[in-house]
């Protein structure tokens, strides 16, 4: 699995991000405050994708609050990648460690 910094507005992210937003809104309605591609593109937010060869497995985003604190803004495994460890790889072995 490869984890890399990426662009949340990239066309290959659009379908998974749309799925993420739709699912959250269906469960949380007006309490869903998930960021769209524009929000995930903010200067204080770093966005990562996880890949297996040319297959997008998931994404995650971290907002820098200050030099020692961050806030998870988004994390999603692709439906076909659920249960494969992509979320664990993004959180423990990937983006949160890479920012320190």
Protein backbone atom coordinates (compact mmCIF):
# COMPACT_ATOMS: atom_id res chain seq x y z
CA UNK A 1 0.00 0.00 0.00
CA UNK A 2 1.28 3.45 -0.90
CA UNK A 3 0.17 6.55 1.02
CA UNK A 4 0.83 9.89 -0.57
CA UNK A 5 -0.08 13.53 -0.22
CA UNK A 6 -2.68 14.35 -2.79
CA UNK A 7 -5.19 16.83 -4.15
CA UNK A 8 -8.77 16.48 -2.86
CA UNK A 9 -10.03 18.14 -6.06
CA UNK A 10 -8.40 15.49 -8.29
CA UNK A 11 -10.94 13.73 -10.53
CA UNK A 12 -10.03 10.28 -9.19
CA UNK A 13 -11.03 11.37 -5.66
CA UNK A 14 -14.44 12.79 -6.67
CA UNK A 15 -16.53 9.60 -6.55
CA UNK A 16 -15.19 8.41 -3.19
CA UNK A 17 -15.52 11.87 -1.66
CA UNK A 18 -19.11 12.16 -2.96
CA UNK A 19 -19.90 8.74 -1.46
CA UNK A 20 -18.36 9.85 1.84
CA UNK A 21 -20.41 13.06 1.98
CA UNK A 22 -23.67 11.37 0.94
CA UNK A 23 -23.29 8.63 3.54
CA UNK A 24 -22.52 11.08 6.33
CA UNK A 25 -25.44 13.31 5.40
CA UNK A 26 -27.81 10.33 5.24
CA UNK A 27 -26.89 9.36 8.79
CA UNK A 28 -26.28 12.74 10.42
CA UNK A 29 -28.54 15.05 8.35
CA UNK A 30 -27.97 18.69 9.32
CA UNK A 31 -25.35 17.70 11.92
CA UNK A 32 -22.98 16.47 9.18
CA UNK A 33 -20.19 19.01 8.92
CA UNK A 34 -17.86 17.06 6.63
CA UNK A 35 -15.63 19.08 4.36
CA UNK A 36 -16.04 18.95 0.61
CA UNK A 37 -13.10 19.16 -1.82
CA UNK A 38 -12.87 22.93 -1.41
CA UNK A 39 -12.72 22.65 2.38
CA UNK A 40 -10.18 19.84 2.19
CA UNK A 41 -8.04 22.09 -0.04
CA UNK A 42 -7.55 24.74 2.66
CA UNK A 43 -3.96 25.74 3.38
CA UNK A 44 -4.17 24.32 6.92
CA UNK A 45 -5.44 20.92 5.75
CA UNK A 46 -3.21 18.15 4.40
CA UNK A 47 -4.90 15.48 2.32
CA UNK A 48 -3.60 11.96 1.68
CA UNK A 49 -4.74 9.06 -0.47
CA UNK A 50 -3.97 5.36 -0.06
CA UNK A 51 -3.33 3.22 -3.14
CA UNK A 52 -2.76 -0.39 -4.10
CA UNK A 53 -1.19 -0.20 -7.53
CA UNK A 54 -3.64 2.02 -9.43
CA UNK A 55 -6.65 1.42 -7.15
CA UNK A 56 -7.70 4.18 -4.74
CA UNK A 57 -8.23 2.51 -1.36
CA UNK A 58 -9.14 5.55 0.70
CA UNK A 59 -8.25 9.01 1.90
CA UNK A 60 -7.63 11.00 5.05
CA UNK A 61 -7.17 14.63 5.96
CA UNK A 62 -5.60 16.40 8.91
CA UNK A 63 -6.04 20.06 9.82
CA UNK A 64 -3.11 21.74 11.55
CA UNK A 65 -4.35 23.60 14.63
CA UNK A 66 -0.86 24.64 15.72
CA UNK A 67 2.63 23.19 15.41
CA UNK A 68 1.90 20.36 17.85
CA UNK A 69 -1.84 19.74 17.41
CA UNK A 70 -4.03 18.57 14.57
CA UNK A 71 -7.61 17.56 13.97
CA UNK A 72 -8.76 14.69 11.78
CA UNK A 73 -11.05 16.28 9.22
CA UNK A 74 -11.88 13.29 7.10
CA UNK A 75 -11.12 9.61 6.72
CA UNK A 76 -12.72 7.10 4.38
CA UNK A 77 -11.94 3.67 3.04
CA UNK A 78 -13.38 2.82 -0.35
CA UNK A 79 -16.29 0.36 -0.01
CA UNK A 80 -14.24 -2.44 -1.60
CA UNK A 81 -11.33 -1.72 0.76
CA UNK A 82 -13.27 -1.81 4.03
CA UNK A 83 -11.89 -4.33 6.47
CA UNK A 84 -8.53 -4.47 4.71
CA UNK A 85 -6.63 -2.20 7.10
CA UNK A 86 -6.54 0.91 4.94
CA UNK A 87 -7.94 3.06 7.77
CA UNK A 88 -5.35 1.68 10.18
CA UNK A 89 -2.61 2.28 7.64
CA UNK A 90 -3.72 5.88 7.15
CA UNK A 91 -4.06 6.61 10.84
CA UNK A 92 -1.23 4.72 12.53
CA UNK A 93 1.30 4.00 9.84
CA UNK A 94 0.62 6.89 7.56
CA UNK A 95 -0.55 10.43 7.74
CA UNK A 96 -0.56 11.13 11.45
CA UNK A 97 2.98 9.82 11.88
CA UNK A 98 4.21 11.50 8.70
CA UNK A 99 3.22 14.95 9.95
CA UNK A 100 5.33 14.84 13.10
